[in-house]
Structures are given as C-alpha cells and as structure tokens.
Amino acid sequence: MAVAFVQEFPIQTRETTNYDAIADRLDVDDNPPEGLILHTAGFDDQAGVFRIFDVWETQEQGERFQAERVMPLVEEIVFAADPGAARPSRNDYYALHDVIRG
C-alpha cells in the first residue's frame, strides 16, 4: 500500500539553498530512488512551513532512501556547517487510502 511522507520545517527565511544543494547531490533524475511515486517541496505560508510531501510505494522504501541517501547529505551540507540548524517540526509517514495517477 502506498504511503505519504510529510516533513515540515518552520519558515525562517525563504532561502532554499540547503534543499537545492541536497537535491543536486541526490541526482534523482538520473538515479531515481526505488519506490518513489511523487516528490514535492514548497512553502506553505499559511502554515508557516517549508513542506516536503512524497508518495512512496512502501514506507520501507522511503525510510531506506532517507537513511542511505538523504541523511548523509543533510549531515554533510546542513549540520556540519550549522549544528544548530532547524530540525523538522514534522516528520511522518501515513498509509494512503487511495492514489490516483493522472
């Protein structure tokens, strides 16, 4: 069953420097993660967060991608430069009842 992954960071600035640097290094266009159905990222000004919303075939695939590819880059690019960098205020998976592909 497909799952959603939601990660939210409080908006401190409207810069996406860290996100862009990590995305460039992940190179998902040429090396897509197994099981990723959809990835989105953007500012939700009403909620005051920068939100990442993904849909995965399974939670295990999403967790493996986070552990093996994303978090090592986050440690290197974000936390090595700024140990006090904001952590996500939300970091959740939940089962989806339905997924419609257009």
N, C-alpha and C. Protein backbone atom coordinates (compact mmCIF):
# COMPACT_ATOMS: atom_id res chain seq x y z
N MET A 1 0.84 -1.18 0.00
CA MET A 1 0.00 0.00 0.00
C MET A 1 0.88 1.24 0.00
N ALA A 2 0.53 2.21 -0.80
CA ALA A 2 1.30 3.45 -0.88
C ALA A 2 1.21 4.23 0.43
N VAL A 3 2.26 4.99 0.70
CA VAL A 3 2.31 5.82 1.90
C VAL A 3 2.73 7.23 1.53
N ALA A 4 2.29 8.17 2.35
CA ALA A 4 2.73 9.56 2.22
C ALA A 4 3.80 9.82 3.26
N PHE A 5 4.75 10.67 2.89
CA PHE A 5 5.78 11.14 3.81
C PHE A 5 5.67 12.65 3.84
N VAL A 6 5.53 13.20 5.04
CA VAL A 6 5.42 14.64 5.21
C VAL A 6 6.53 15.10 6.15
N GLN A 7 7.28 16.09 5.69
CA GLN A 7 8.33 16.68 6.51
C GLN A 7 8.15 18.19 6.43
N GLU A 8 8.14 18.85 7.58
CA GLU A 8 7.92 20.29 7.62
C GLU A 8 8.99 20.97 8.46
N PHE A 9 9.44 22.10 7.96
CA PHE A 9 10.41 22.93 8.65
C PHE A 9 9.81 24.32 8.84
N PRO A 10 9.88 24.88 10.05
CA PRO A 10 9.40 26.25 10.24
C PRO A 10 10.12 27.20 9.29
N ILE A 11 9.37 28.10 8.68
CA ILE A 11 9.98 29.07 7.78
C ILE A 11 10.78 30.06 8.60
N GLN A 12 12.09 30.08 8.36
CA GLN A 12 12.96 31.07 8.99
C GLN A 12 13.36 32.12 7.96
N THR A 13 13.64 31.66 6.76
CA THR A 13 13.90 32.54 5.61
C THR A 13 13.26 31.86 4.41
N ARG A 14 13.20 32.54 3.30
CA ARG A 14 12.65 31.94 2.09
C ARG A 14 13.77 31.39 1.20
N GLU A 15 14.92 31.16 1.79
CA GLU A 15 16.02 30.59 1.03
C GLU A 15 15.86 29.07 0.94
N THR A 16 16.24 28.53 -0.19
CA THR A 16 16.20 27.07 -0.38
C THR A 16 17.59 26.54 -0.69
N THR A 17 18.60 27.24 -0.22
CA THR A 17 19.99 26.88 -0.52
C THR A 17 20.31 25.45 -0.10
N ASN A 18 19.98 25.08 1.13
CA ASN A 18 20.27 23.72 1.61
C ASN A 18 19.48 22.68 0.83
N TYR A 19 18.18 22.93 0.64
CA TYR A 19 17.35 21.99 -0.12
C TYR A 19 17.93 21.80 -1.52
N ASP A 20 18.26 22.90 -2.19
CA ASP A 20 18.77 22.82 -3.57
C ASP A 20 20.10 22.08 -3.64
N ALA A 21 20.98 22.32 -2.67
CA ALA A 21 22.28 21.64 -2.66
C ALA A 21 22.10 20.13 -2.46
N ILE A 22 21.20 19.76 -1.57
CA ILE A 22 20.95 18.34 -1.34
C ILE A 22 20.30 17.72 -2.57
N ALA A 23 19.33 18.40 -3.15
CA ALA A 23 18.66 17.88 -4.35
C ALA A 23 19.65 17.67 -5.49
N ASP A 24 20.56 18.63 -5.67
CA ASP A 24 21.58 18.48 -6.73
C ASP A 24 22.43 17.25 -6.51
N ARG A 25 22.85 17.03 -5.28
CA ARG A 25 23.72 15.89 -4.97
C ARG A 25 22.96 14.55 -5.01
N LEU A 26 21.66 14.56 -4.74
CA LEU A 26 20.88 13.33 -4.80
C LEU A 26 20.74 12.82 -6.23
N ASP A 27 20.68 13.75 -7.18
CA ASP A 27 20.62 13.40 -8.60
C ASP A 27 19.52 12.38 -8.89
N VAL A 28 18.31 12.66 -8.41
CA VAL A 28 17.23 11.70 -8.58
C VAL A 28 16.74 11.58 -10.02
N ASP A 29 17.02 12.58 -10.86
CA ASP A 29 16.63 12.46 -12.26
C ASP A 29 17.38 11.33 -12.94
N ASP A 30 18.66 11.21 -12.68
CA ASP A 30 19.48 10.16 -13.28
C ASP A 30 19.58 8.91 -12.42
N ASN A 31 19.28 9.04 -11.14
CA ASN A 31 19.38 7.90 -10.21
C ASN A 31 18.16 7.91 -9.28
N PRO A 32 16.97 7.63 -9.83
CA PRO A 32 15.75 7.74 -9.02
C PRO A 32 15.70 6.68 -7.92
N PRO A 33 15.17 7.05 -6.77
CA PRO A 33 15.04 6.07 -5.69
C PRO A 33 13.95 5.06 -6.00
N GLU A 34 14.20 3.83 -5.64
CA GLU A 34 13.22 2.77 -5.84
C GLU A 34 11.97 3.07 -5.01
N GLY A 35 10.81 3.02 -5.66
CA GLY A 35 9.55 3.16 -4.95
C GLY A 35 8.99 4.56 -4.87
N LEU A 36 9.73 5.57 -5.31
CA LEU A 36 9.21 6.94 -5.25
C LEU A 36 8.16 7.14 -6.34
N ILE A 37 6.97 7.55 -5.95
CA ILE A 37 5.89 7.83 -6.88
C ILE A 37 5.83 9.31 -7.19
N LEU A 38 6.00 10.16 -6.16
CA LEU A 38 5.84 11.60 -6.31
C LEU A 38 6.67 12.31 -5.25
N HIS A 39 7.30 13.41 -5.63
CA HIS A 39 8.02 14.26 -4.66
C HIS A 39 7.60 15.70 -4.91
N THR A 40 7.30 16.41 -3.83
CA THR A 40 7.01 17.84 -3.92
C THR A 40 7.71 18.55 -2.77
N ALA A 41 7.98 19.82 -2.96
CA ALA A 41 8.56 20.65 -1.90
C ALA A 41 8.18 22.09 -2.16
N GLY A 42 7.79 22.79 -1.10
CA GLY A 42 7.46 24.20 -1.27
C GLY A 42 7.04 24.85 0.03
N PHE A 43 6.89 26.17 -0.06
CA PHE A 43 6.50 26.97 1.10
C PHE A 43 4.98 26.97 1.26
N ASP A 44 4.52 26.71 2.46
CA ASP A 44 3.11 26.87 2.83
C ASP A 44 3.08 28.04 3.79
N ASP A 45 2.86 29.22 3.24
CA ASP A 45 2.90 30.44 4.05
C ASP A 45 1.79 30.46 5.10
N GLN A 46 0.65 29.90 4.79
CA GLN A 46 -0.45 29.88 5.75
C GLN A 46 -0.09 29.07 6.99
N ALA A 47 0.60 27.95 6.79
CA ALA A 47 1.02 27.11 7.92
C ALA A 47 2.37 27.54 8.48
N GLY A 48 3.09 28.39 7.75
CA GLY A 48 4.39 28.87 8.22
C GLY A 48 5.49 27.84 8.12
N VAL A 49 5.40 26.95 7.11
CA VAL A 49 6.39 25.88 6.98
C VAL A 49 6.87 25.73 5.53
N PHE A 50 8.05 25.15 5.40
CA PHE A 50 8.52 24.61 4.13
C PHE A 50 8.22 23.13 4.21
N ARG A 51 7.38 22.64 3.29
CA ARG A 51 6.89 21.26 3.39
C ARG A 51 7.43 20.41 2.25
N ILE A 52 7.89 19.23 2.62
CA ILE A 52 8.24 18.18 1.67
C ILE A 52 7.15 17.13 1.77
N PHE A 53 6.56 16.79 0.63
CA PHE A 53 5.49 15.79 0.59
C PHE A 53 5.83 14.78 -0.50
N ASP A 54 6.01 13.53 -0.09
CA ASP A 54 6.34 12.46 -1.02
C ASP A 54 5.28 11.37 -0.94
N VAL A 55 5.15 10.63 -2.03
CA VAL A 55 4.35 9.41 -2.03
C VAL A 55 5.27 8.28 -2.45
N TRP A 56 5.28 7.23 -1.63
CA TRP A 56 6.14 6.06 -1.83
C TRP A 56 5.29 4.81 -1.99
N GLU A 57 5.82 3.83 -2.72
CA GLU A 57 5.15 2.54 -2.83
C GLU A 57 5.06 1.87 -1.46
N THR A 58 6.14 1.96 -0.66
CA THR A 58 6.13 1.41 0.70
C THR A 58 6.89 2.35 1.63
N GLN A 59 6.58 2.28 2.91
CA GLN A 59 7.29 3.07 3.91
C GLN A 59 8.75 2.65 3.98
N GLU A 60 9.02 1.37 3.84
CA GLU A 60 10.39 0.87 3.91
C GLU A 60 11.26 1.50 2.83
N GLN A 61 10.71 1.67 1.63
CA GLN A 61 11.48 2.30 0.55
C GLN A 61 11.78 3.76 0.89
N GLY A 62 10.81 4.47 1.43
CA GLY A 62 11.03 5.86 1.82
C GLY A 62 12.06 5.97 2.93
N GLU A 63 11.95 5.10 3.92
CA GLU A 63 12.90 5.13 5.04
C GLU A 63 14.31 4.78 4.57
N ARG A 64 14.43 3.83 3.66
CA ARG A 64 15.75 3.45 3.15
C ARG A 64 16.39 4.61 2.38
N PHE A 65 15.59 5.30 1.56
CA PHE A 65 16.09 6.46 0.82
C PHE A 65 16.56 7.55 1.78
N GLN A 66 15.77 7.81 2.81
CA GLN A 66 16.15 8.82 3.81
C GLN A 66 17.46 8.43 4.49
N ALA A 67 17.54 7.19 4.95
CA ALA A 67 18.71 6.74 5.72
C ALA A 67 19.97 6.63 4.87
N GLU A 68 19.85 6.11 3.66
CA GLU A 68 21.03 5.82 2.86
C GLU A 68 21.48 6.98 1.97
N ARG A 69 20.55 7.82 1.54
CA ARG A 69 20.93 8.86 0.59
C ARG A 69 20.71 10.28 1.10
N VAL A 70 19.58 10.53 1.76
CA VAL A 70 19.27 11.90 2.17
C VAL A 70 20.04 12.31 3.42
N MET A 71 19.93 11.55 4.49
CA MET A 71 20.51 11.97 5.77
C MET A 71 22.03 12.13 5.74
N PRO A 72 22.79 11.29 5.03
CA PRO A 72 24.22 11.57 4.95
C PRO A 72 24.52 12.95 4.33
N LEU A 73 23.72 13.35 3.35
CA LEU A 73 23.92 14.67 2.74
C LEU A 73 23.46 15.78 3.68
N VAL A 74 22.38 15.56 4.40
CA VAL A 74 21.92 16.55 5.38
C VAL A 74 23.00 16.78 6.43
N GLU A 75 23.58 15.69 6.92
CA GLU A 75 24.66 15.82 7.91
C GLU A 75 25.83 16.61 7.34
N GLU A 76 26.22 16.29 6.11
CA GLU A 76 27.37 16.94 5.49
C GLU A 76 27.10 18.40 5.12
N ILE A 77 25.97 18.67 4.50
CA ILE A 77 25.69 20.00 3.96
C ILE A 77 25.11 20.94 5.00
N VAL A 78 24.22 20.44 5.84
CA VAL A 78 23.49 21.31 6.77
C VAL A 78 24.12 21.31 8.16
N PHE A 79 24.16 20.16 8.82
CA PHE A 79 24.54 20.12 10.22
C PHE A 79 26.03 20.29 10.46
N ALA A 80 26.87 19.91 9.52
CA ALA A 80 28.31 20.13 9.69
C ALA A 80 28.61 21.62 9.68
N ALA A 81 27.89 22.36 8.84
CA ALA A 81 28.10 23.81 8.76
C ALA A 81 27.40 24.56 9.88
N ASP A 82 26.26 24.02 10.35
CA ASP A 82 25.48 24.70 11.37
C ASP A 82 24.82 23.65 12.28
N PRO A 83 25.52 23.23 13.34
CA PRO A 83 24.96 22.21 14.24
C PRO A 83 23.62 22.61 14.86
N GLY A 84 23.33 23.90 14.90
CA GLY A 84 22.06 24.36 15.46
C GLY A 84 20.97 24.54 14.43
N ALA A 85 21.19 24.05 13.21
CA ALA A 85 20.20 24.21 12.14
C ALA A 85 18.86 23.59 12.56
N ALA A 86 17.79 24.20 12.06
CA ALA A 86 16.45 23.75 12.43
C ALA A 86 16.21 22.30 12.02
N ARG A 87 15.63 21.56 12.95
CA ARG A 87 15.19 20.20 12.67
C ARG A 87 13.74 20.28 12.20
N PRO A 88 13.27 19.25 11.50
CA PRO A 88 11.87 19.30 11.06
C PRO A 88 10.91 19.31 12.25
N SER A 89 9.84 20.11 12.12
CA SER A 89 8.81 20.14 13.15
C SER A 89 7.82 19.00 12.94
N ARG A 90 7.85 18.41 11.75
CA ARG A 90 7.01 17.25 11.44
C ARG A 90 7.81 16.32 10.54
N ASN A 91 7.70 15.03 10.80
CA ASN A 91 8.46 14.03 10.04
C ASN A 91 7.67 12.72 10.14
N ASP A 92 6.64 12.56 9.31
CA ASP A 92 5.69 11.46 9.48
C ASP A 92 5.42 10.70 8.18
N TYR A 93 5.13 9.43 8.34
CA TYR A 93 4.57 8.60 7.27
C TYR A 93 3.15 8.24 7.65
N TYR A 94 2.29 8.09 6.66
CA TYR A 94 0.96 7.54 6.92
C TYR A 94 0.47 6.81 5.68
N ALA A 95 -0.33 5.76 5.91
CA ALA A 95 -0.86 4.95 4.82
C ALA A 95 -1.90 5.76 4.04
N LEU A 96 -1.87 5.61 2.73
CA LEU A 96 -2.84 6.28 1.88
C LEU A 96 -3.98 5.32 1.54
N HIS A 97 -5.17 5.82 1.59
CA HIS A 97 -6.34 5.02 1.23
C HIS A 97 -6.43 4.86 -0.28
N ASP A 98 -5.99 5.87 -1.02
CA ASP A 98 -6.13 5.84 -2.47
C ASP A 98 -5.04 6.69 -3.11
N VAL A 99 -4.58 6.27 -4.26
CA VAL A 99 -3.65 7.05 -5.07
C VAL A 99 -4.17 6.99 -6.50
N ILE A 100 -4.42 8.14 -7.10
CA ILE A 100 -4.88 8.20 -8.49
C ILE A 100 -3.78 8.84 -9.30
N ARG A 101 -3.33 8.15 -10.30
CA ARG A 101 -2.26 8.67 -11.15
C ARG A 101 -2.88 9.24 -12.41
N GLY A 102 -2.53 10.50 -12.71
CA GLY A 102 -3.11 11.16 -13.88
C GLY A 102 -2.30 10.97 -15.13
